[in-house]
Amino acid sequence: MLRWRASDSAARVLAIGVFGVVALASSISSASAQTTVSLSNPTSEVVFATIRGGSYANSNLATQLATRASSDPANHRRALLKFDTQNRIPAGSTVTSALLTLTVKSGSTDSTRSIGAYQVTTSWNEKEVTWQKRRTSTAWMSAGGDLGSKIDSKTVGNTRGSKVTFNVTALVKHAVAGQLGSSRYTRVVLVDLDGSSATSYREYYTPTDSNGANRPVLKVTYSHGSGGTPAPSPGSSGSGSSSTSTLRVLQWNTHHGGVGTDGDRDPDRLVKKAASFKPDVVSFNEVERYTSWGNYDGPASMAASMKRYTGQQWYYKFSTATGGSTGNGNLLMSRFPFEATAVHLLSHERSAVEAVIHVHGRDIHFTSTHLDADSTGIRLTQIGELTAWQRTLSEPRIIAGDFNAWPGSSENAKMKGSYYDSWSEADGDGTAVSYSGNSAGNTRNSRIDYIYYSHGATVLSLKSSQVFDVRDSKGVQPSDHRPVLTVFAIR
């Protein structure tokens, strides 16, 4: 009997893996109310890596797929593959067949080896994964990968060009049904099951091979569930926003969870307005969780309201300013499942909350923060702490938040040493939009709310930035801040 496991690492690490992959474009054939998809395109449909023990335990091997059994840890290898079954196969579908086929590229003199295909229970990043860690800042619960059930095993020869097919129907069926956690991605590791041997090496053609016939392929056949709809693609929604290659980022300080300029606390009013901008990811500041401003779970309530107003599931991560279970803090929300989340505490009782989302073939680190309200010196210290932490994360990176500093400040200058100010860049390009009487794009008395993107984020292309007029017919705003939305194209 297979023992299925979702990730349980949250209790041990700040970052929790929920792997997320991108919208796909592969051929589809349909017969007898069934659909078959073949996933093999690199980056957009499958990513891969090899992990190796011993002296290579901290080395990322992202260009090969290999297995080997050895009593010498430095020679022990396992091959990792992740396939997008989140965006390609509609929710509510029933998988009837899933076959994983690989092609042998080379092999040592052992004529046959028994290779097992196992579930991987936690997410990993192909450019960061090692024998010890699934991400740069997150260790595996068990070195060598967090393995779940063995799905299938096959005898693999050493002849170049020979094929091997694993029946992974059970794994893919559970993944697509959402029974392995909050994401629906298929993660597999290949493990040599035979004893240690100096001639046990097997190397397989990778998804990046120039000959498509050699690439690993996951062929999935499924029937359509009643009412099943595809997962949202970047920049698109049921109400019709833009193309699948855009990311809409919204930043808004909520003023204690939605206290408007009329003095009334109405979180629903604020969320309804935020939803009207059709964001993909949101940074909300000053959200309250069981405080004197609101004795309720603000983050959960706002996520539920976003779902009600958009008709879509929203994933969220919240942290109070102090890291405690109750208080005022930052709420990060996304239409896309989180691959990982983390909280970083800053000095002087401030925090930053971060999540990784997988959009259009890219892992994007998105962070929400809110800096000190009173002191330039404290804010500069917090920026130093924030950017030092961010440098440990891979590109691309987006930081949104209330920085309590005007555009000409030393704080903004320090951020711009390694990040672009999206409003300023859009203003220079002629793509910044505000409204009559607010040409400077002020989000409060000045422009103090920012959406920054890192200098190394070469896969992001700025399309526009906009500060919205959120006054109603009586001149009342849902918060004392105005929201800013930046749209990126993802290459």
Protein backbone atom coordinates (compact mmCIF):
# COMPACT_ATOMS: atom_id res chain seq x y z
CA MET A 1 0.00 0.00 0.00
CA LEU A 2 1.39 3.37 -1.01
CA ARG A 3 1.93 5.86 1.79
CA TRP A 4 1.37 9.34 0.42
CA ARG A 5 2.87 12.33 2.20
CA ALA A 6 2.59 16.05 1.74
CA SER A 7 5.36 18.33 3.02
CA ASP A 8 5.60 18.47 6.84
CA SER A 9 8.70 20.62 7.05
CA ALA A 10 6.96 23.78 8.23
CA ALA A 11 7.54 22.91 11.86
CA ARG A 12 11.27 22.64 11.32
CA VAL A 13 12.11 25.49 8.96
CA LEU A 14 10.79 28.95 8.19
CA ALA A 15 10.60 28.16 4.50
CA ILE A 16 7.97 25.63 3.54
CA GLY A 17 8.05 24.06 0.14
CA VAL A 18 5.10 23.99 -2.07
CA PHE A 19 6.49 23.57 -5.51
CA GLY A 20 4.87 25.57 -8.28
CA VAL A 21 5.47 25.41 -12.03
CA VAL A 22 4.23 27.36 -15.07
CA ALA A 23 1.58 27.39 -17.77
CA LEU A 24 2.45 25.02 -20.60
CA ALA A 25 2.12 24.69 -24.35
CA SER A 26 2.32 21.07 -25.47
CA SER A 27 0.27 19.04 -27.90
CA ILE A 28 -3.10 17.73 -26.79
CA SER A 29 -5.09 14.85 -28.28
CA SER A 30 -8.58 13.90 -27.23
CA ALA A 31 -10.62 10.73 -27.66
CA SER A 32 -13.57 9.23 -25.82
CA ALA A 33 -13.82 12.22 -23.44
CA GLN A 34 -10.16 11.80 -22.47
CA THR A 35 -7.21 14.08 -23.03
CA THR A 36 -3.54 13.13 -23.32
CA VAL A 37 -0.70 15.57 -22.69
CA SER A 38 3.01 14.92 -23.13
CA LEU A 39 5.21 17.10 -20.94
CA SER A 40 8.83 17.36 -22.03
CA ASN A 41 9.70 20.97 -22.85
CA PRO A 42 12.53 22.32 -20.67
CA THR A 43 11.77 24.96 -18.02
CA SER A 44 8.12 25.42 -18.99
CA GLU A 45 7.13 21.76 -18.56
CA VAL A 46 9.91 20.01 -16.69
CA VAL A 47 12.97 20.95 -14.63
CA PHE A 48 15.69 18.66 -13.35
CA ALA A 49 18.88 18.22 -11.36
CA THR A 50 21.18 15.55 -9.96
CA ILE A 51 22.18 15.45 -6.30
CA ARG A 52 25.40 13.84 -5.13
CA GLY A 53 26.70 13.05 -1.64
CA GLY A 54 30.05 13.24 0.10
CA SER A 55 32.34 16.04 -0.96
CA TYR A 56 29.68 17.08 -3.52
CA ALA A 57 26.88 17.30 -0.94
CA ASN A 58 26.69 21.09 -1.27
CA SER A 59 27.15 21.22 -5.05
CA ASN A 60 24.28 21.99 -7.39
CA LEU A 61 24.37 19.75 -10.46
CA ALA A 62 21.70 21.29 -12.65
CA THR A 63 22.94 20.11 -16.06
CA GLN A 64 22.77 16.33 -15.78
CA LEU A 65 20.50 13.44 -14.85
CA ALA A 66 22.37 10.52 -13.33
CA THR A 67 22.02 7.67 -10.85
CA ARG A 68 24.63 5.60 -9.08
CA ALA A 69 24.78 3.41 -5.97
CA SER A 70 28.02 3.57 -4.04
CA SER A 71 29.32 3.01 -0.53
CA ASP A 72 31.43 6.11 -1.13
CA PRO A 73 28.99 9.02 -0.57
CA ALA A 74 30.85 11.20 -3.07
CA ASN A 75 29.88 8.77 -5.85
CA HIS A 76 26.25 8.31 -4.81
CA ARG A 77 23.82 10.08 -7.17
CA ARG A 78 20.08 10.57 -7.49
CA ALA A 79 18.16 12.17 -10.37
CA LEU A 80 15.38 14.69 -9.70
CA LEU A 81 12.55 15.66 -12.08
CA LYS A 82 9.62 18.05 -11.61
CA PHE A 83 6.71 18.13 -14.06
CA ASP A 84 3.95 20.71 -14.34
CA THR A 85 0.68 18.96 -13.63
CA GLN A 86 -0.65 22.03 -11.81
CA ASN A 87 -1.31 24.28 -14.78
CA ARG A 88 -1.56 21.77 -17.60
CA ILE A 89 -4.18 19.46 -16.16
CA PRO A 90 -7.43 21.10 -15.01
CA ALA A 91 -8.43 20.82 -11.39
CA GLY A 92 -11.11 18.20 -10.91
CA SER A 93 -9.71 15.90 -13.60
CA THR A 94 -9.19 12.18 -13.05
CA VAL A 95 -5.86 10.77 -14.20
CA THR A 96 -6.18 7.33 -15.79
CA SER A 97 -2.58 6.86 -16.95
CA ALA A 98 0.80 8.52 -16.39
CA LEU A 99 4.00 7.11 -17.90
CA LEU A 100 7.47 8.58 -17.38
CA THR A 101 9.97 7.67 -20.09
CA LEU A 102 13.71 8.39 -20.06
CA THR A 103 16.46 7.64 -22.55
CA VAL A 104 19.84 6.26 -21.46
CA LYS A 105 22.76 8.44 -22.54
CA SER A 106 25.57 6.34 -21.10
CA GLY A 107 26.18 3.56 -18.60
CA SER A 108 29.01 1.78 -16.81
CA THR A 109 29.79 -1.87 -17.44
CA ASP A 110 27.09 -3.30 -15.17
CA SER A 111 24.67 -4.48 -17.85
CA THR A 112 21.56 -3.93 -15.75
CA ARG A 113 20.62 -1.88 -12.70
CA SER A 114 17.33 -1.75 -10.79
CA ILE A 115 16.16 1.89 -10.68
CA GLY A 116 13.26 3.02 -8.50
CA ALA A 117 11.01 6.03 -9.06
CA TYR A 118 10.00 7.67 -5.77
CA GLN A 119 7.72 10.53 -4.80
CA VAL A 120 9.55 13.63 -3.52
CA THR A 121 7.41 15.08 -0.74
CA THR A 122 8.82 18.62 -0.60
CA SER A 123 9.56 21.22 -3.26
CA TRP A 124 13.03 22.04 -4.56
CA ASN A 125 14.67 24.52 -6.89
CA GLU A 126 16.67 23.08 -9.76
CA LYS A 127 19.33 25.80 -9.56
CA GLU A 128 19.78 25.52 -5.79
CA VAL A 129 19.12 21.89 -4.85
CA THR A 130 21.93 19.76 -3.42
CA TRP A 131 22.25 16.53 -1.44
CA GLN A 132 21.91 18.58 1.76
CA LYS A 133 19.48 21.33 0.74
CA ARG A 134 16.38 21.61 -1.42
CA ARG A 135 16.82 25.39 -1.57
CA THR A 136 19.71 27.65 -0.67
CA SER A 137 18.22 28.48 2.71
CA THR A 138 16.24 25.28 3.36
CA ALA A 139 17.62 21.83 4.17
CA TRP A 140 15.95 18.57 3.24
CA MET A 141 14.40 16.88 6.25
CA SER A 142 16.58 13.91 5.26
CA ALA A 143 19.85 14.37 3.35
CA GLY A 144 19.54 13.03 -0.16
CA GLY A 145 15.96 14.21 -0.62
CA ASP A 146 12.63 13.84 1.16
CA LEU A 147 11.44 10.58 -0.32
CA GLY A 148 7.90 9.30 -0.06
CA SER A 149 6.54 6.10 -1.55
CA LYS A 150 8.28 4.06 -4.22
CA ILE A 151 6.03 4.33 -7.26
CA ASP A 152 7.66 1.86 -9.65
CA SER A 153 10.99 0.21 -10.38
CA LYS A 154 12.52 -0.93 -13.66
CA THR A 155 15.64 -2.67 -14.89
CA VAL A 156 17.79 -0.19 -16.79
CA GLY A 157 20.48 -1.28 -19.21
CA ASN A 158 23.64 0.52 -20.24
CA THR A 159 22.98 0.79 -23.98
CA ARG A 160 23.01 4.32 -25.33
CA GLY A 161 19.60 5.27 -26.69
CA SER A 162 17.65 2.58 -24.83
CA LYS A 163 14.36 3.63 -23.27
CA VAL A 164 12.94 2.97 -19.82
CA THR A 165 9.35 3.71 -18.80
CA PHE A 166 8.04 4.01 -15.26
CA ASN A 167 4.35 3.74 -14.46
CA VAL A 168 3.76 6.75 -12.19
CA THR A 169 -0.02 6.83 -12.54
CA ALA A 170 -0.64 6.56 -8.79
CA LEU A 171 1.62 9.53 -8.01
CA VAL A 172 0.28 11.81 -10.74
CA LYS A 173 -3.32 10.89 -9.89
CA HIS A 174 -2.82 11.95 -6.27
CA ALA A 175 -0.90 15.11 -7.27
CA VAL A 176 -3.54 16.27 -9.74
CA ALA A 177 -6.30 15.58 -7.22
CA GLY A 178 -4.54 17.92 -4.76
CA GLN A 179 -4.02 15.14 -2.22
CA LEU A 180 -0.30 15.78 -1.70
CA GLY A 181 -0.52 19.31 -0.37
CA SER A 182 -1.66 22.72 -1.58
CA SER A 183 0.00 22.32 -5.01
CA ARG A 184 -0.62 19.81 -7.79
CA TYR A 185 2.88 19.31 -9.17
CA THR A 186 4.56 15.96 -9.81
CA ARG A 187 8.00 15.51 -8.22
CA VAL A 188 10.01 12.34 -8.85
CA VAL A 189 13.47 11.10 -7.88
CA LEU A 190 15.24 8.14 -9.50
CA VAL A 191 17.25 5.96 -7.09
CA ASP A 192 19.58 3.02 -7.83
CA LEU A 193 18.19 0.17 -5.71
CA ASP A 194 21.01 -2.32 -6.21
CA GLY A 195 24.12 -2.67 -4.09
CA SER A 196 27.21 -0.50 -4.24
CA SER A 197 29.20 -0.92 -7.43
CA ALA A 198 31.94 1.05 -9.15
CA THR A 199 30.22 0.27 -12.45
CA SER A 200 26.64 1.22 -11.54
CA TYR A 201 26.61 4.65 -13.17
CA ARG A 202 23.69 5.57 -15.43
CA GLU A 203 23.28 8.90 -17.17
CA TYR A 204 20.08 9.94 -18.92
CA TYR A 205 19.39 12.54 -21.58
CA THR A 206 18.07 15.74 -20.00
CA PRO A 207 15.08 17.95 -20.91
CA THR A 208 17.50 20.40 -22.55
CA ASP A 209 18.83 17.91 -25.10
CA SER A 210 18.67 19.29 -28.64
CA ASN A 211 16.97 16.11 -29.84
CA GLY A 212 13.44 16.21 -28.48
CA ALA A 213 13.08 12.45 -28.92
CA ASN A 214 15.74 11.90 -26.24
CA ARG A 215 14.18 14.10 -23.57
CA PRO A 216 12.36 12.73 -20.53
CA VAL A 217 8.62 12.81 -21.14
CA LEU A 218 5.65 12.44 -18.83
CA LYS A 219 2.62 11.28 -20.81
CA VAL A 220 -0.60 11.77 -18.88
CA THR A 221 -4.11 10.73 -19.87
CA TYR A 222 -7.01 12.13 -17.91
CA SER A 223 -10.76 12.56 -18.08
CA HIS A 224 -12.40 15.88 -17.41
CA GLY A 225 -14.08 16.32 -14.05
CA SER A 226 -17.40 18.11 -13.83
CA GLY A 227 -16.78 21.80 -13.63
CA GLY A 228 -12.99 21.35 -13.72
CA THR A 229 -11.17 24.48 -14.86
CA PRO A 230 -7.50 25.08 -15.50
CA ALA A 231 -5.45 26.77 -12.83
CA PRO A 232 -4.93 30.49 -13.44
CA SER A 233 -2.13 31.48 -15.74
CA PRO A 234 0.02 34.56 -15.08
CA GLY A 235 -1.69 37.82 -15.93
CA SER A 236 -5.03 36.16 -16.68
CA SER A 237 -8.19 35.67 -14.70
CA GLY A 238 -11.76 34.65 -15.10
CA SER A 239 -12.67 38.30 -15.55
CA GLY A 240 -10.21 38.74 -18.37
CA SER A 241 -6.94 40.45 -17.65
CA SER A 242 -3.84 40.45 -19.82
CA SER A 243 -1.57 37.87 -21.45
CA THR A 244 0.01 34.81 -19.86
CA SER A 245 3.43 36.48 -19.70
CA THR A 246 2.62 39.30 -17.31
CA LEU A 247 2.70 39.67 -13.53
CA ARG A 248 0.55 42.31 -11.82
CA VAL A 249 1.99 43.36 -8.44
CA LEU A 250 -0.12 45.43 -6.01
CA GLN A 251 1.22 47.26 -2.94
CA TRP A 252 -1.17 48.81 -0.40
CA ASN A 253 -0.83 49.87 3.22
CA THR A 254 -4.28 49.02 4.65
CA HIS A 255 -4.16 51.37 7.67
CA HIS A 256 -4.79 48.88 10.45
CA GLY A 257 -6.57 46.39 8.24
CA GLY A 258 -8.91 48.76 6.43
CA VAL A 259 -9.61 51.86 8.51
CA GLY A 260 -10.79 54.36 5.94
CA THR A 261 -10.39 58.12 5.87
CA ASP A 262 -13.90 58.28 7.33
CA GLY A 263 -12.61 56.53 10.47
CA ASP A 264 -14.63 53.35 9.80
CA ARG A 265 -12.86 49.99 9.87
CA ASP A 266 -14.13 48.11 6.81
CA PRO A 267 -11.64 45.46 5.57
CA ASP A 268 -14.15 44.16 3.04
CA ARG A 269 -14.38 47.60 1.41
CA LEU A 270 -10.61 47.68 0.96
CA VAL A 271 -10.32 44.12 -0.36
CA LYS A 272 -13.14 44.65 -2.85
CA LYS A 273 -11.30 47.66 -4.25
CA ALA A 274 -7.98 45.77 -4.34
CA ALA A 275 -9.60 42.90 -6.24
CA SER A 276 -10.90 45.33 -8.87
CA PHE A 277 -7.29 45.99 -9.97
CA LYS A 278 -6.91 42.31 -10.96
CA PRO A 279 -3.56 41.72 -9.20
CA ASP A 280 -1.62 38.46 -9.35
CA VAL A 281 0.31 39.09 -6.13
CA VAL A 282 -0.38 41.58 -3.33
CA SER A 283 1.61 43.16 -0.52
CA PHE A 284 -0.67 44.44 2.26
CA ASN A 285 0.83 46.31 5.24
CA GLU A 286 -0.66 47.05 8.65
CA VAL A 287 -2.88 43.99 8.65
CA GLU A 288 -4.23 43.17 12.11
CA ARG A 289 -4.50 39.77 13.74
CA TYR A 290 -6.32 39.70 17.09
CA THR A 291 -5.45 43.23 18.20
CA SER A 292 -7.33 46.16 19.66
CA TRP A 293 -7.88 47.37 16.09
CA GLY A 294 -9.68 44.15 15.24
CA ASN A 295 -10.13 41.05 17.38
CA TYR A 296 -10.17 38.62 14.46
CA ASP A 297 -7.85 36.81 12.05
CA GLY A 298 -7.34 39.59 9.51
CA PRO A 299 -5.11 37.66 7.09
CA ALA A 300 -7.52 34.72 6.79
CA SER A 301 -10.50 37.03 6.45
CA MET A 302 -8.85 39.10 3.71
CA ALA A 303 -7.86 35.98 1.78
CA ALA A 304 -11.44 34.74 1.97
CA SER A 305 -12.71 38.11 0.74
CA MET A 306 -10.27 38.07 -2.19
CA LYS A 307 -11.59 34.66 -3.17
CA ARG A 308 -15.16 35.92 -2.96
CA TYR A 309 -14.48 38.96 -5.13
CA THR A 310 -12.26 37.24 -7.71
CA GLY A 311 -13.73 33.74 -7.80
CA GLN A 312 -10.21 32.32 -7.37
CA GLN A 313 -8.21 30.64 -4.65
CA TRP A 314 -5.66 32.93 -2.94
CA TYR A 315 -2.59 31.73 -1.06
CA TYR A 316 -1.24 33.88 1.73
CA LYS A 317 1.59 34.27 4.22
CA PHE A 318 1.46 36.66 7.17
CA SER A 319 3.93 37.80 9.78
CA THR A 320 3.50 40.26 12.59
CA ALA A 321 6.14 42.95 12.97
CA THR A 322 7.65 41.08 15.92
CA GLY A 323 7.17 37.54 14.65
CA GLY A 324 4.54 36.85 17.31
CA SER A 325 1.26 35.04 16.73
CA THR A 326 -0.85 38.16 17.15
CA GLY A 327 -0.32 41.76 16.19
CA ASN A 328 0.06 44.12 13.26
CA GLY A 329 2.10 42.98 10.27
CA ASN A 330 2.61 42.26 6.58
CA LEU A 331 0.37 40.04 4.48
CA LEU A 332 1.58 38.57 1.20
CA MET A 333 -1.07 37.11 -1.12
CA SER A 334 -0.84 35.30 -4.46
CA ARG A 335 -3.13 33.68 -7.00
CA PHE A 336 -0.35 31.14 -7.53
CA PRO A 337 0.65 28.47 -5.00
CA PHE A 338 3.77 29.16 -3.00
CA GLU A 339 6.83 27.03 -3.63
CA ALA A 340 8.34 28.25 -0.36
CA THR A 341 7.80 30.97 2.22
CA ALA A 342 10.01 32.63 4.80
CA VAL A 343 9.92 35.35 7.43
CA HIS A 344 12.89 37.57 8.22
CA LEU A 345 12.77 39.70 11.37
CA LEU A 346 14.32 43.14 11.13
CA SER A 347 15.55 45.26 14.02
CA HIS A 348 13.27 47.66 15.92
CA GLU A 349 10.26 45.35 15.70
CA ARG A 350 9.81 45.17 11.94
CA SER A 351 9.66 42.16 9.63
CA ALA A 352 9.66 41.04 6.02
CA VAL A 353 7.65 38.12 4.66
CA GLU A 354 8.78 36.37 1.48
CA ALA A 355 7.37 33.76 -0.88
CA VAL A 356 8.53 32.03 -4.04
CA ILE A 357 6.02 31.72 -6.86
CA HIS A 358 6.62 29.95 -10.15
CA VAL A 359 5.32 32.03 -13.05
CA HIS A 360 5.89 31.57 -16.77
CA GLY A 361 8.82 29.25 -16.18
CA ARG A 362 10.50 31.44 -13.57
CA ASP A 363 10.89 31.24 -9.80
CA ILE A 364 10.18 34.74 -8.48
CA HIS A 365 10.99 35.82 -4.92
CA PHE A 366 8.35 38.28 -3.72
CA THR A 367 8.76 40.11 -0.40
CA SER A 368 6.48 42.42 1.60
CA THR A 369 7.81 44.75 4.30
CA HIS A 370 7.01 47.91 6.30
CA LEU A 371 9.84 50.03 7.68
CA ASP A 372 10.05 52.27 10.76
CA ALA A 373 7.83 55.34 10.72
CA ASP A 374 10.01 57.78 12.66
CA SER A 375 13.76 57.46 12.07
CA THR A 376 15.88 57.67 8.93
CA GLY A 377 18.75 55.98 10.74
CA ILE A 378 16.58 53.04 11.77
CA ARG A 379 15.16 52.70 8.27
CA LEU A 380 18.66 52.65 6.76
CA THR A 381 19.63 49.91 9.21
CA GLN A 382 16.53 47.93 8.31
CA ILE A 383 17.26 48.33 4.60
CA GLY A 384 20.76 47.01 5.18
CA GLU A 385 19.35 43.97 6.98
CA LEU A 386 16.71 43.45 4.31
CA THR A 387 19.04 43.65 1.33
CA ALA A 388 21.70 41.47 2.99
CA TRP A 389 19.10 38.75 3.45
CA GLN A 390 17.77 39.20 -0.09
CA ARG A 391 21.26 38.68 -1.54
CA THR A 392 21.06 35.07 -0.32
CA LEU A 393 18.03 34.53 -2.57
CA SER A 394 18.14 33.78 -6.27
CA GLU A 395 16.99 36.15 -9.01
CA PRO A 396 14.55 37.59 -9.85
CA ARG A 397 13.46 39.43 -6.70
CA ILE A 398 10.64 41.90 -6.05
CA ILE A 399 10.27 43.85 -2.78
CA ALA A 400 7.08 45.78 -2.10
CA GLY A 401 6.12 47.76 0.96
CA ASP A 402 5.65 50.97 2.88
CA PHE A 403 9.17 52.36 3.31
CA ASN A 404 8.05 55.57 5.05
CA ALA A 405 10.57 57.50 2.94
CA TRP A 406 10.06 59.95 0.08
CA PRO A 407 11.64 59.42 -3.38
CA GLY A 408 14.56 61.82 -2.79
CA SER A 409 15.49 60.24 0.53
CA SER A 410 18.69 58.43 1.46
CA GLU A 411 16.57 55.34 2.07
CA ASN A 412 15.36 55.23 -1.52
CA ALA A 413 18.90 55.94 -2.73
CA LYS A 414 20.19 52.97 -0.72
CA MET A 415 17.52 50.66 -2.14
CA LYS A 416 18.30 51.84 -5.66
CA GLY A 417 21.87 50.68 -5.21
CA SER A 418 20.66 47.15 -5.99
CA TYR A 419 16.98 47.60 -6.95
CA TYR A 420 14.98 49.62 -9.44
CA ASP A 421 12.13 51.82 -8.18
CA SER A 422 9.38 50.66 -10.57
CA TRP A 423 7.33 53.87 -10.44
CA SER A 424 10.38 56.02 -11.11
CA GLU A 425 11.49 53.79 -13.97
CA ALA A 426 7.99 53.79 -15.48
CA ASP A 427 7.82 57.56 -15.10
CA GLY A 428 11.04 57.86 -17.07
CA ASP A 429 9.63 55.54 -19.75
CA GLY A 430 6.35 57.41 -19.96
CA THR A 431 4.36 54.43 -18.63
CA ALA A 432 3.62 55.74 -15.11
CA VAL A 433 -0.05 56.57 -14.59
CA SER A 434 -1.72 58.47 -11.77
CA TYR A 435 -4.70 60.83 -11.73
CA SER A 436 -5.49 64.53 -11.84
CA GLY A 437 -3.94 66.39 -8.94
CA ASN A 438 -1.46 63.60 -8.15
CA SER A 439 1.00 63.61 -11.01
CA ALA A 440 3.82 62.62 -8.63
CA GLY A 441 2.10 59.35 -7.80
CA ASN A 442 1.94 60.07 -4.08
CA THR A 443 0.64 57.15 -2.08
CA ARG A 444 0.12 59.23 1.04
CA ASN A 445 1.44 62.75 1.70
CA SER A 446 4.35 61.74 -0.52
CA ARG A 447 5.23 58.65 -2.49
CA ILE A 448 6.29 56.33 0.36
CA ASP A 449 5.00 52.96 -0.94
CA TYR A 450 7.29 51.20 -3.39
CA ILE A 451 7.55 48.19 -5.65
CA TYR A 452 11.24 47.50 -6.22
CA TYR A 453 12.75 44.89 -8.54
CA SER A 454 16.35 43.74 -8.42
CA HIS A 455 19.03 44.85 -10.87
CA GLY A 456 19.68 41.19 -11.65
CA ALA A 457 16.03 40.49 -12.52
CA THR A 458 16.77 40.34 -16.24
CA VAL A 459 13.76 38.09 -16.90
CA LEU A 460 11.44 40.89 -15.75
CA SER A 461 10.57 43.72 -18.11
CA LEU A 462 8.71 46.72 -16.68
CA LYS A 463 5.50 47.49 -18.56
CA SER A 464 3.80 50.12 -16.40
CA SER A 465 3.14 51.43 -12.90
CA GLN A 466 -0.01 53.11 -11.63
CA VAL A 467 -1.21 54.85 -8.48
CA PHE A 468 -4.99 54.67 -8.17
CA ASP A 469 -7.53 57.22 -7.06
CA VAL A 470 -9.60 55.17 -4.60
CA ARG A 471 -11.93 57.90 -3.34
CA ASP A 472 -15.63 57.09 -3.47
CA SER A 473 -18.37 59.55 -4.38
CA LYS A 474 -18.03 61.14 -0.94
CA GLY A 475 -14.26 61.48 -1.23
CA VAL A 476 -13.60 58.64 1.25
CA GLN A 477 -10.67 56.24 0.77
CA PRO A 478 -10.62 52.66 2.15
CA SER A 479 -7.22 53.47 3.74
CA ASP A 480 -5.10 56.54 4.40
CA HIS A 481 -2.74 55.21 1.71
CA ARG A 482 -3.31 54.84 -2.02
CA PRO A 483 -2.41 51.59 -3.78
CA VAL A 484 0.28 51.27 -6.41
CA LEU A 485 0.27 48.54 -9.08
CA THR A 486 3.25 47.60 -11.25
CA VAL A 487 2.96 45.29 -14.24
CA PHE A 488 5.92 43.20 -15.40
CA ALA A 489 6.39 41.12 -18.51
CA ILE A 490 8.16 37.85 -17.77
CA ARG A 491 10.62 36.64 -20.37
